[in-house]
Every structure is written in C-alpha cells, then in structure tokens.
Amino acid sequence: EDQRWTSQLAMETLVQEAGRGTRSATDRCQVIIVDDTWQWWWPKN
C-alpha cells in the first residue's frame, strides 16, 4: 500500500538508536554506521 512504509519504520528505529547515548545538552556520544546500505538508503530517505 505504501512503498516507503518499511523505510519509515527503519528510519524511526535508527533515530531512536542514535539517541540512546545523548540524553542532555552536555552529553556526548559518537554514532558510527557500518552497513554500506547507508550509501544509497540515506540519500533516498
């Protein structure tokens, strides 16, 4: 029904994952992606 629905779910989970270690304005956490799917997936979505 919606071709981008799974990409939307993936993005929501990714955003949640990236935020687990930054919980305040002074907090610091580096996020590193090691899946090369990112190379086409991020520009598209």
All heavy atoms as atom14 arrays in JSON, in Angstrom:
{
  "sequence": "EDQRWTSQLAMETLVQEAGRGTRSATDRCQVIIVDDTWQWWWPKN",
  "atom14_mask": [
    [1, 1, 1, 1, 1, 1, 1, 1, 1, 0, 0, 0, 0, 0],
    [1, 1, 1, 1, 1, 1, 1, 1, 0, 0, 0, 0, 0, 0],
    [1, 1, 1, 1, 1, 1, 1, 1, 1, 0, 0, 0, 0, 0],
    [1, 1, 1, 1, 1, 1, 1, 1, 1, 1, 1, 0, 0, 0],
    [1, 1, 1, 1, 1, 1, 1, 1, 1, 1, 1, 1, 1, 1],
    [1, 1, 1, 1, 1, 1, 1, 0, 0, 0, 0, 0, 0, 0],
    [1, 1, 1, 1, 1, 1, 0, 0, 0, 0, 0, 0, 0, 0],
    [1, 1, 1, 1, 1, 1, 1, 1, 1, 0, 0, 0, 0, 0],
    [1, 1, 1, 1, 1, 1, 1, 1, 0, 0, 0, 0, 0, 0],
    [1, 1, 1, 1, 1, 0, 0, 0, 0, 0, 0, 0, 0, 0],
    [1, 1, 1, 1, 1, 1, 1, 1, 0, 0, 0, 0, 0, 0],
    [1, 1, 1, 1, 1, 1, 1, 1, 1, 0, 0, 0, 0, 0],
    [1, 1, 1, 1, 1, 1, 1, 0, 0, 0, 0, 0, 0, 0],
    [1, 1, 1, 1, 1, 1, 1, 1, 0, 0, 0, 0, 0, 0],
    [1, 1, 1, 1, 1, 1, 1, 0, 0, 0, 0, 0, 0, 0],
    [1, 1, 1, 1, 1, 1, 1, 1, 1, 0, 0, 0, 0, 0],
    [1, 1, 1, 1, 1, 1, 1, 1, 1, 0, 0, 0, 0, 0],
    [1, 1, 1, 1, 1, 0, 0, 0, 0, 0, 0, 0, 0, 0],
    [1, 1, 1, 1, 0, 0, 0, 0, 0, 0, 0, 0, 0, 0],
    [1, 1, 1, 1, 1, 1, 1, 1, 1, 1, 1, 0, 0, 0],
    [1, 1, 1, 1, 0, 0, 0, 0, 0, 0, 0, 0, 0, 0],
    [1, 1, 1, 1, 1, 1, 1, 0, 0, 0, 0, 0, 0, 0],
    [1, 1, 1, 1, 1, 1, 1, 1, 1, 1, 1, 0, 0, 0],
    [1, 1, 1, 1, 1, 1, 0, 0, 0, 0, 0, 0, 0, 0],
    [1, 1, 1, 1, 1, 0, 0, 0, 0, 0, 0, 0, 0, 0],
    [1, 1, 1, 1, 1, 1, 1, 0, 0, 0, 0, 0, 0, 0],
    [1, 1, 1, 1, 1, 1, 1, 1, 0, 0, 0, 0, 0, 0],
    [1, 1, 1, 1, 1, 1, 1, 1, 1, 1, 1, 0, 0, 0],
    [1, 1, 1, 1, 1, 1, 0, 0, 0, 0, 0, 0, 0, 0],
    [1, 1, 1, 1, 1, 1, 1, 1, 1, 0, 0, 0, 0, 0],
    [1, 1, 1, 1, 1, 1, 1, 0, 0, 0, 0, 0, 0, 0],
    [1, 1, 1, 1, 1, 1, 1, 1, 0, 0, 0, 0, 0, 0],
    [1, 1, 1, 1, 1, 1, 1, 1, 0, 0, 0, 0, 0, 0],
    [1, 1, 1, 1, 1, 1, 1, 0, 0, 0, 0, 0, 0, 0],
    [1, 1, 1, 1, 1, 1, 1, 1, 0, 0, 0, 0, 0, 0],
    [1, 1, 1, 1, 1, 1, 1, 1, 0, 0, 0, 0, 0, 0],
    [1, 1, 1, 1, 1, 1, 1, 0, 0, 0, 0, 0, 0, 0],
    [1, 1, 1, 1, 1, 1, 1, 1, 1, 1, 1, 1, 1, 1],
    [1, 1, 1, 1, 1, 1, 1, 1, 1, 0, 0, 0, 0, 0],
    [1, 1, 1, 1, 1, 1, 1, 1, 1, 1, 1, 1, 1, 1],
    [1, 1, 1, 1, 1, 1, 1, 1, 1, 1, 1, 1, 1, 1],
    [1, 1, 1, 1, 1, 1, 1, 1, 1, 1, 1, 1, 1, 1],
    [1, 1, 1, 1, 1, 1, 1, 0, 0, 0, 0, 0, 0, 0],
    [1, 1, 1, 1, 1, 1, 1, 1, 1, 0, 0, 0, 0, 0],
    [1, 1, 1, 1, 1, 1, 1, 1, 0, 0, 0, 0, 0, 0]
  ],
  "atom14_positions": [
    [[0.82, -1.21, 0.0], [0.0, 0.0, 0.0], [0.85, 1.26, 0.0], [0.49, 2.27, -0.59], [-0.91, -0.02, 1.22], [-1.94, 1.09, 1.25], [-2.87, 0.97, 2.44], [-2.45, 1.39, 3.55], [-3.99, 0.45, 2.29], [0.0, 0.0, 0.0], [0.0, 0.0, 0.0], [0.0, 0.0, 0.0], [0.0, 0.0, 0.0], [0.0, 0.0, 0.0]],
    [[2.0, 1.19, 0.68], [2.9, 2.34, 0.79], [4.33, 1.83, 0.65], [4.87, 1.21, 1.56], [2.7, 3.03, 2.14], [3.57, 4.26, 2.3], [4.46, 4.49, 1.46], [3.37, 5.0, 3.28], [0.0, 0.0, 0.0], [0.0, 0.0, 0.0], [0.0, 0.0, 0.0], [0.0, 0.0, 0.0], [0.0, 0.0, 0.0], [0.0, 0.0, 0.0]],
    [[4.95, 2.1, -0.48], [6.27, 1.55, -0.77], [7.36, 2.06, 0.18], [8.4, 1.43, 0.33], [6.66, 1.87, -2.22], [5.79, 1.15, -3.25], [6.24, 1.43, -4.66], [7.07, 2.3, -4.91], [5.71, 0.67, -5.62], [0.0, 0.0, 0.0], [0.0, 0.0, 0.0], [0.0, 0.0, 0.0], [0.0, 0.0, 0.0], [0.0, 0.0, 0.0]],
    [[7.12, 3.2, 0.83], [8.14, 3.75, 1.73], [7.84, 3.45, 3.2], [8.54, 3.94, 4.08], [8.25, 5.26, 1.53], [8.62, 5.68, 0.12], [8.93, 7.16, 0.06], [10.24, 7.45, 0.62], [10.64, 8.7, 0.93], [9.82, 9.72, 0.76], [11.84, 8.91, 1.42], [0.0, 0.0, 0.0], [0.0, 0.0, 0.0], [0.0, 0.0, 0.0]],
    [[6.82, 2.65, 3.44], [6.43, 2.38, 4.82], [7.55, 1.68, 5.6], [7.85, 2.06, 6.73], [5.16, 1.53, 4.84], [4.67, 1.24, 6.23], [4.19, 2.12, 7.14], [4.64, -0.05, 6.85], [3.84, 1.48, 8.3], [4.11, 0.15, 8.16], [4.99, -1.33, 6.45], [3.94, -0.91, 9.06], [4.81, -2.39, 7.34], [4.29, -2.16, 8.62]],
    [[8.2, 0.66, 5.01], [9.28, -0.03, 5.72], [10.48, 0.9, 5.92], [11.16, 0.81, 6.95], [9.71, -1.3, 4.97], [10.03, -0.96, 3.61], [8.61, -2.35, 4.98], [0.0, 0.0, 0.0], [0.0, 0.0, 0.0], [0.0, 0.0, 0.0], [0.0, 0.0, 0.0], [0.0, 0.0, 0.0], [0.0, 0.0, 0.0], [0.0, 0.0, 0.0]],
    [[10.73, 1.78, 4.97], [11.82, 2.76, 5.15], [11.5, 3.73, 6.28], [12.39, 4.12, 7.04], [12.05, 3.54, 3.85], [12.55, 2.7, 2.84], [0.0, 0.0, 0.0], [0.0, 0.0, 0.0], [0.0, 0.0, 0.0], [0.0, 0.0, 0.0], [0.0, 0.0, 0.0], [0.0, 0.0, 0.0], [0.0, 0.0, 0.0], [0.0, 0.0, 0.0]],
    [[10.22, 4.1, 6.41], [9.8, 4.96, 7.51], [10.04, 4.27, 8.85], [10.58, 4.88, 9.79], [8.33, 5.32, 7.37], [7.77, 6.14, 8.53], [8.34, 7.54, 8.58], [8.19, 8.31, 7.63], [9.0, 7.88, 9.67], [0.0, 0.0, 0.0], [0.0, 0.0, 0.0], [0.0, 0.0, 0.0], [0.0, 0.0, 0.0], [0.0, 0.0, 0.0]],
    [[9.67, 3.0, 8.96], [9.89, 2.26, 10.2], [11.38, 2.13, 10.5], [11.8, 2.27, 11.66], [9.26, 0.88, 10.11], [7.73, 0.8, 10.04], [7.29, -0.66, 10.08], [7.08, 1.57, 11.18], [0.0, 0.0, 0.0], [0.0, 0.0, 0.0], [0.0, 0.0, 0.0], [0.0, 0.0, 0.0], [0.0, 0.0, 0.0], [0.0, 0.0, 0.0]],
    [[12.17, 1.86, 9.46], [13.61, 1.75, 9.66], [14.21, 3.06, 10.14], [15.06, 3.08, 11.04], [14.28, 1.31, 8.35], [0.0, 0.0, 0.0], [0.0, 0.0, 0.0], [0.0, 0.0, 0.0], [0.0, 0.0, 0.0], [0.0, 0.0, 0.0], [0.0, 0.0, 0.0], [0.0, 0.0, 0.0], [0.0, 0.0, 0.0], [0.0, 0.0, 0.0]],
    [[13.74, 4.17, 9.57], [14.25, 5.48, 9.98], [13.88, 5.78, 11.42], [14.7, 6.29, 12.2], [13.71, 6.57, 9.06], [14.26, 7.96, 9.35], [16.05, 8.06, 9.02], [16.03, 8.14, 7.22], [0.0, 0.0, 0.0], [0.0, 0.0, 0.0], [0.0, 0.0, 0.0], [0.0, 0.0, 0.0], [0.0, 0.0, 0.0], [0.0, 0.0, 0.0]],
    [[12.65, 5.46, 11.81], [12.23, 5.72, 13.19], [13.1, 4.95, 14.18], [13.52, 5.5, 15.2], [10.76, 5.32, 13.36], [9.79, 6.22, 12.62], [8.36, 5.74, 12.72], [8.05, 4.97, 13.66], [7.54, 6.09, 11.85], [0.0, 0.0, 0.0], [0.0, 0.0, 0.0], [0.0, 0.0, 0.0], [0.0, 0.0, 0.0], [0.0, 0.0, 0.0]],
    [[13.38, 3.69, 13.87], [14.23, 2.88, 14.75], [15.66, 3.41, 14.77], [16.3, 3.49, 15.82], [14.23, 1.41, 14.3], [12.89, 0.92, 14.3], [15.08, 0.56, 15.23], [0.0, 0.0, 0.0], [0.0, 0.0, 0.0], [0.0, 0.0, 0.0], [0.0, 0.0, 0.0], [0.0, 0.0, 0.0], [0.0, 0.0, 0.0], [0.0, 0.0, 0.0]],
    [[16.18, 3.79, 13.61], [17.53, 4.32, 13.52], [17.69, 5.59, 14.35], [18.68, 5.76, 15.09], [17.88, 4.61, 12.06], [19.26, 5.24, 11.8], [20.36, 4.28, 12.21], [19.4, 5.62, 10.33], [0.0, 0.0, 0.0], [0.0, 0.0, 0.0], [0.0, 0.0, 0.0], [0.0, 0.0, 0.0], [0.0, 0.0, 0.0], [0.0, 0.0, 0.0]],
    [[16.71, 6.48, 14.26], [16.76, 7.72, 15.03], [16.75, 7.41, 16.53], [17.48, 8.03, 17.31], [15.59, 8.64, 14.64], [15.5, 9.84, 15.58], [15.75, 9.13, 13.2], [0.0, 0.0, 0.0], [0.0, 0.0, 0.0], [0.0, 0.0, 0.0], [0.0, 0.0, 0.0], [0.0, 0.0, 0.0], [0.0, 0.0, 0.0], [0.0, 0.0, 0.0]],
    [[15.94, 6.44, 16.93], [15.88, 6.05, 18.33], [17.22, 5.46, 18.78], [17.72, 5.76, 19.87], [14.76, 5.04, 18.55], [13.36, 5.6, 18.4], [12.91, 6.38, 19.63], [13.68, 6.66, 20.53], [11.63, 6.71, 19.66], [0.0, 0.0, 0.0], [0.0, 0.0, 0.0], [0.0, 0.0, 0.0], [0.0, 0.0, 0.0], [0.0, 0.0, 0.0]],
    [[17.8, 4.61, 17.95], [19.1, 4.01, 18.29], [20.16, 5.08, 18.5], [20.92, 5.05, 19.48], [19.54, 3.06, 17.16], [18.73, 1.79, 17.05], [19.13, 0.95, 15.86], [19.79, 1.47, 14.94], [18.77, -0.24, 15.84], [0.0, 0.0, 0.0], [0.0, 0.0, 0.0], [0.0, 0.0, 0.0], [0.0, 0.0, 0.0], [0.0, 0.0, 0.0]],
    [[20.22, 6.03, 17.58], [21.26, 7.05, 17.62], [21.13, 7.97, 18.83], [22.1, 8.61, 19.23], [21.21, 7.89, 16.34], [0.0, 0.0, 0.0], [0.0, 0.0, 0.0], [0.0, 0.0, 0.0], [0.0, 0.0, 0.0], [0.0, 0.0, 0.0], [0.0, 0.0, 0.0], [0.0, 0.0, 0.0], [0.0, 0.0, 0.0], [0.0, 0.0, 0.0]],
    [[19.94, 8.02, 19.41], [19.72, 8.92, 20.54], [19.87, 8.31, 21.91], [19.73, 9.0, 22.93], [0.0, 0.0, 0.0], [0.0, 0.0, 0.0], [0.0, 0.0, 0.0], [0.0, 0.0, 0.0], [0.0, 0.0, 0.0], [0.0, 0.0, 0.0], [0.0, 0.0, 0.0], [0.0, 0.0, 0.0], [0.0, 0.0, 0.0], [0.0, 0.0, 0.0]],
    [[20.19, 7.0, 21.99], [20.25, 6.34, 23.3], [21.35, 6.9, 24.19], [21.23, 6.86, 25.42], [20.5, 4.84, 23.12], [19.38, 4.02, 22.51], [18.06, 4.19, 23.22], [17.27, 5.26, 22.65], [16.31, 5.92, 23.29], [16.06, 5.65, 24.56], [15.62, 6.87, 22.7], [0.0, 0.0, 0.0], [0.0, 0.0, 0.0], [0.0, 0.0, 0.0]],
    [[22.42, 7.43, 23.6], [23.55, 7.88, 24.41], [23.67, 9.37, 24.58], [24.63, 9.86, 25.2], [0.0, 0.0, 0.0], [0.0, 0.0, 0.0], [0.0, 0.0, 0.0], [0.0, 0.0, 0.0], [0.0, 0.0, 0.0], [0.0, 0.0, 0.0], [0.0, 0.0, 0.0], [0.0, 0.0, 0.0], [0.0, 0.0, 0.0], [0.0, 0.0, 0.0]],
    [[22.73, 10.14, 24.05], [22.75, 11.6, 24.19], [21.47, 12.04, 24.87], [20.43, 12.17, 24.23], [22.88, 12.3, 22.81], [23.96, 11.71, 22.09], [23.14, 13.79, 22.99], [0.0, 0.0, 0.0], [0.0, 0.0, 0.0], [0.0, 0.0, 0.0], [0.0, 0.0, 0.0], [0.0, 0.0, 0.0], [0.0, 0.0, 0.0], [0.0, 0.0, 0.0]],
    [[21.55, 12.26, 26.17], [20.34, 12.49, 26.96], [20.26, 13.88, 27.55], [19.33, 14.19, 28.3], [20.25, 11.44, 28.07], [20.46, 10.01, 27.63], [19.63, 9.61, 26.43], [18.21, 9.74, 26.67], [17.28, 9.58, 25.74], [17.63, 9.31, 24.49], [16.01, 9.7, 26.04], [0.0, 0.0, 0.0], [0.0, 0.0, 0.0], [0.0, 0.0, 0.0]],
    [[21.23, 14.75, 27.26], [21.2, 16.13, 27.75], [22.03, 17.0, 26.82], [22.75, 16.49, 25.96], [21.75, 16.22, 29.18], [23.15, 16.03, 29.19], [0.0, 0.0, 0.0], [0.0, 0.0, 0.0], [0.0, 0.0, 0.0], [0.0, 0.0, 0.0], [0.0, 0.0, 0.0], [0.0, 0.0, 0.0], [0.0, 0.0, 0.0], [0.0, 0.0, 0.0]],
    [[21.96, 18.28, 27.01], [22.69, 19.22, 26.15], [24.2, 19.12, 26.34], [24.96, 19.56, 25.48], [22.22, 20.64, 26.42], [0.0, 0.0, 0.0], [0.0, 0.0, 0.0], [0.0, 0.0, 0.0], [0.0, 0.0, 0.0], [0.0, 0.0, 0.0], [0.0, 0.0, 0.0], [0.0, 0.0, 0.0], [0.0, 0.0, 0.0], [0.0, 0.0, 0.0]],
    [[24.65, 18.56, 27.43], [26.08, 18.43, 27.68], [26.6, 17.03, 27.4], [27.8, 16.79, 27.43], [26.41, 18.79, 29.14], [25.68, 17.93, 30.02], [26.05, 20.25, 29.43], [0.0, 0.0, 0.0], [0.0, 0.0, 0.0], [0.0, 0.0, 0.0], [0.0, 0.0, 0.0], [0.0, 0.0, 0.0], [0.0, 0.0, 0.0], [0.0, 0.0, 0.0]],
    [[25.7, 16.11, 27.12], [26.06, 14.72, 26.86], [26.71, 14.6, 25.48], [26.38, 15.34, 24.56], [24.8, 13.85, 26.93], [25.09, 12.46, 27.45], [26.28, 12.11, 27.53], [24.14, 11.74, 27.78], [0.0, 0.0, 0.0], [0.0, 0.0, 0.0], [0.0, 0.0, 0.0], [0.0, 0.0, 0.0], [0.0, 0.0, 0.0], [0.0, 0.0, 0.0]],
    [[27.6, 13.61, 25.34], [28.27, 13.38, 24.07], [28.27, 11.9, 23.73], [28.53, 11.07, 24.6], [29.73, 13.89, 24.11], [29.85, 15.4, 24.23], [31.3, 15.81, 24.43], [31.43, 17.25, 24.55], [31.68, 18.07, 23.54], [31.8, 17.58, 22.32], [31.78, 19.37, 23.73], [0.0, 0.0, 0.0], [0.0, 0.0, 0.0], [0.0, 0.0, 0.0]],
    [[28.0, 11.59, 22.47], [28.01, 10.19, 22.04], [28.21, 10.14, 20.53], [27.44, 10.74, 19.77], [26.72, 9.48, 22.43], [26.71, 7.72, 22.03], [0.0, 0.0, 0.0], [0.0, 0.0, 0.0], [0.0, 0.0, 0.0], [0.0, 0.0, 0.0], [0.0, 0.0, 0.0], [0.0, 0.0, 0.0], [0.0, 0.0, 0.0], [0.0, 0.0, 0.0]],
    [[29.22, 9.43, 20.09], [29.52, 9.28, 18.66], [28.72, 8.12, 18.09], [28.63, 7.06, 18.71], [31.02, 9.04, 18.5], [31.5, 8.98, 17.07], [33.0, 8.69, 17.01], [33.52, 7.98, 17.87], [33.67, 9.23, 16.03], [0.0, 0.0, 0.0], [0.0, 0.0, 0.0], [0.0, 0.0, 0.0], [0.0, 0.0, 0.0], [0.0, 0.0, 0.0]],
    [[28.13, 8.3, 16.91], [27.34, 7.25, 16.26], [28.02, 6.87, 14.95], [28.26, 7.73, 14.09], [25.89, 7.72, 15.99], [25.1, 6.62, 15.29], [25.21, 8.13, 17.29], [0.0, 0.0, 0.0], [0.0, 0.0, 0.0], [0.0, 0.0, 0.0], [0.0, 0.0, 0.0], [0.0, 0.0, 0.0], [0.0, 0.0, 0.0], [0.0, 0.0, 0.0]],
    [[28.32, 5.58, 14.79], [29.06, 5.1, 13.63], [28.26, 3.99, 12.94], [27.87, 3.0, 13.57], [30.44, 4.56, 14.04], [31.22, 5.63, 14.82], [31.23, 4.11, 12.82], [32.46, 5.11, 15.5], [0.0, 0.0, 0.0], [0.0, 0.0, 0.0], [0.0, 0.0, 0.0], [0.0, 0.0, 0.0], [0.0, 0.0, 0.0], [0.0, 0.0, 0.0]],
    [[28.01, 4.15, 11.66], [27.22, 3.2, 10.87], [28.17, 2.35, 10.02], [28.98, 2.89, 9.28], [26.2, 3.94, 9.99], [25.25, 4.76, 10.87], [25.42, 2.96, 9.11], [24.42, 5.76, 10.1], [0.0, 0.0, 0.0], [0.0, 0.0, 0.0], [0.0, 0.0, 0.0], [0.0, 0.0, 0.0], [0.0, 0.0, 0.0], [0.0, 0.0, 0.0]],
    [[28.06, 1.02, 10.13], [28.97, 0.14, 9.41], [28.23, -0.75, 8.42], [28.72, -1.82, 8.05], [29.81, -0.72, 10.38], [30.77, 0.16, 11.17], [28.93, -1.53, 11.33], [0.0, 0.0, 0.0], [0.0, 0.0, 0.0], [0.0, 0.0, 0.0], [0.0, 0.0, 0.0], [0.0, 0.0, 0.0], [0.0, 0.0, 0.0], [0.0, 0.0, 0.0]],
    [[27.07, -0.32, 7.99], [26.3, -1.02, 6.95], [26.33, -0.15, 5.7], [25.8, 0.97, 5.7], [24.86, -1.25, 7.43], [23.99, -1.96, 6.39], [24.5, -2.29, 5.3], [22.79, -2.16, 6.68], [0.0, 0.0, 0.0], [0.0, 0.0, 0.0], [0.0, 0.0, 0.0], [0.0, 0.0, 0.0], [0.0, 0.0, 0.0], [0.0, 0.0, 0.0]],
    [[26.91, -0.66, 4.62], [27.04, 0.13, 3.39], [25.71, 0.36, 2.67], [25.66, 1.1, 1.69], [28.04, -0.53, 2.43], [29.47, -0.42, 2.94], [29.69, 0.23, 3.97], [30.37, -1.01, 2.3], [0.0, 0.0, 0.0], [0.0, 0.0, 0.0], [0.0, 0.0, 0.0], [0.0, 0.0, 0.0], [0.0, 0.0, 0.0], [0.0, 0.0, 0.0]],
    [[24.65, -0.27, 3.15], [23.31, 0.06, 2.65], [23.06, 1.55, 2.8], [22.33, 2.16, 2.02], [22.24, -0.73, 3.43], [22.5, -2.14, 3.27], [20.84, -0.43, 2.95], [0.0, 0.0, 0.0], [0.0, 0.0, 0.0], [0.0, 0.0, 0.0], [0.0, 0.0, 0.0], [0.0, 0.0, 0.0], [0.0, 0.0, 0.0], [0.0, 0.0, 0.0]],
    [[23.68, 2.13, 3.8], [23.55, 3.56, 4.09], [23.86, 4.41, 2.86], [23.27, 5.47, 2.66], [24.47, 3.93, 5.24], [24.56, 5.38, 5.57], [25.49, 6.28, 5.12], [23.68, 6.13, 6.43], [25.26, 7.52, 5.65], [24.16, 7.46, 6.46], [22.55, 5.8, 7.18], [23.53, 8.46, 7.21], [21.94, 6.79, 7.93], [22.43, 8.09, 7.94]],
    [[24.79, 3.99, 2.04], [25.27, 4.81, 0.93], [24.17, 5.16, -0.07], [24.19, 6.24, -0.67], [26.43, 4.1, 0.23], [27.68, 3.99, 1.11], [28.78, 3.16, 0.47], [28.53, 2.08, -0.08], [30.0, 3.64, 0.54], [0.0, 0.0, 0.0], [0.0, 0.0, 0.0], [0.0, 0.0, 0.0], [0.0, 0.0, 0.0], [0.0, 0.0, 0.0]],
    [[23.23, 4.24, -0.27], [22.1, 4.56, -1.16], [20.84, 4.89, -0.37], [20.01, 5.68, -0.83], [21.81, 3.41, -2.12], [21.29, 2.15, -1.47], [22.0, 1.07, -1.07], [19.92, 1.87, -1.12], [21.18, 0.13, -0.5], [19.9, 0.58, -0.52], [18.72, 2.56, -1.27], [18.72, 0.0, -0.07], [17.55, 1.97, -0.81], [17.55, 0.7, -0.22]],
    [[20.73, 4.29, 0.81], [19.49, 4.43, 1.58], [19.32, 5.83, 2.16], [18.22, 6.39, 2.11], [19.48, 3.38, 2.7], [18.22, 3.37, 3.51], [17.06, 2.75, 3.19], [18.01, 4.0, 4.79], [16.12, 2.96, 4.18], [16.68, 3.71, 5.17], [18.81, 4.77, 5.63], [16.14, 4.19, 6.36], [18.27, 5.23, 6.81], [16.96, 4.94, 7.17]],
    [[20.37, 6.41, 2.69], [20.25, 7.74, 3.3], [19.9, 8.82, 2.29], [18.97, 9.59, 2.52], [21.53, 8.09, 4.06], [21.54, 9.5, 4.57], [22.34, 10.54, 4.16], [20.71, 10.05, 5.61], [22.06, 11.67, 4.86], [21.06, 11.41, 5.76], [19.71, 9.52, 6.41], [20.45, 12.25, 6.68], [19.08, 10.36, 7.34], [19.46, 11.7, 7.47]],
    [[20.59, 8.92, 1.14], [20.19, 9.96, 0.16], [18.74, 9.81, -0.29], [18.06, 10.8, -0.54], [21.17, 9.74, -1.0], [22.35, 9.09, -0.38], [21.8, 8.2, 0.7], [0.0, 0.0, 0.0], [0.0, 0.0, 0.0], [0.0, 0.0, 0.0], [0.0, 0.0, 0.0], [0.0, 0.0, 0.0], [0.0, 0.0, 0.0], [0.0, 0.0, 0.0]],
    [[18.26, 8.58, -0.38], [16.91, 8.32, -0.86], [15.85, 8.63, 0.2], [14.73, 9.04, -0.13], [16.78, 6.87, -1.31], [15.43, 6.49, -1.89], [15.41, 5.05, -2.35], [14.04, 4.65, -2.91], [14.03, 3.23, -3.36], [0.0, 0.0, 0.0], [0.0, 0.0, 0.0], [0.0, 0.0, 0.0], [0.0, 0.0, 0.0], [0.0, 0.0, 0.0]],
    [[16.2, 8.45, 1.47], [15.2, 8.52, 2.53], [15.47, 9.57, 3.6], [14.79, 9.59, 4.62], [15.09, 7.14, 3.2], [14.58, 6.07, 2.28], [13.45, 6.12, 1.81], [15.44, 5.1, 1.98], [0.0, 0.0, 0.0], [0.0, 0.0, 0.0], [0.0, 0.0, 0.0], [0.0, 0.0, 0.0], [0.0, 0.0, 0.0], [0.0, 0.0, 0.0]]
  ]
}
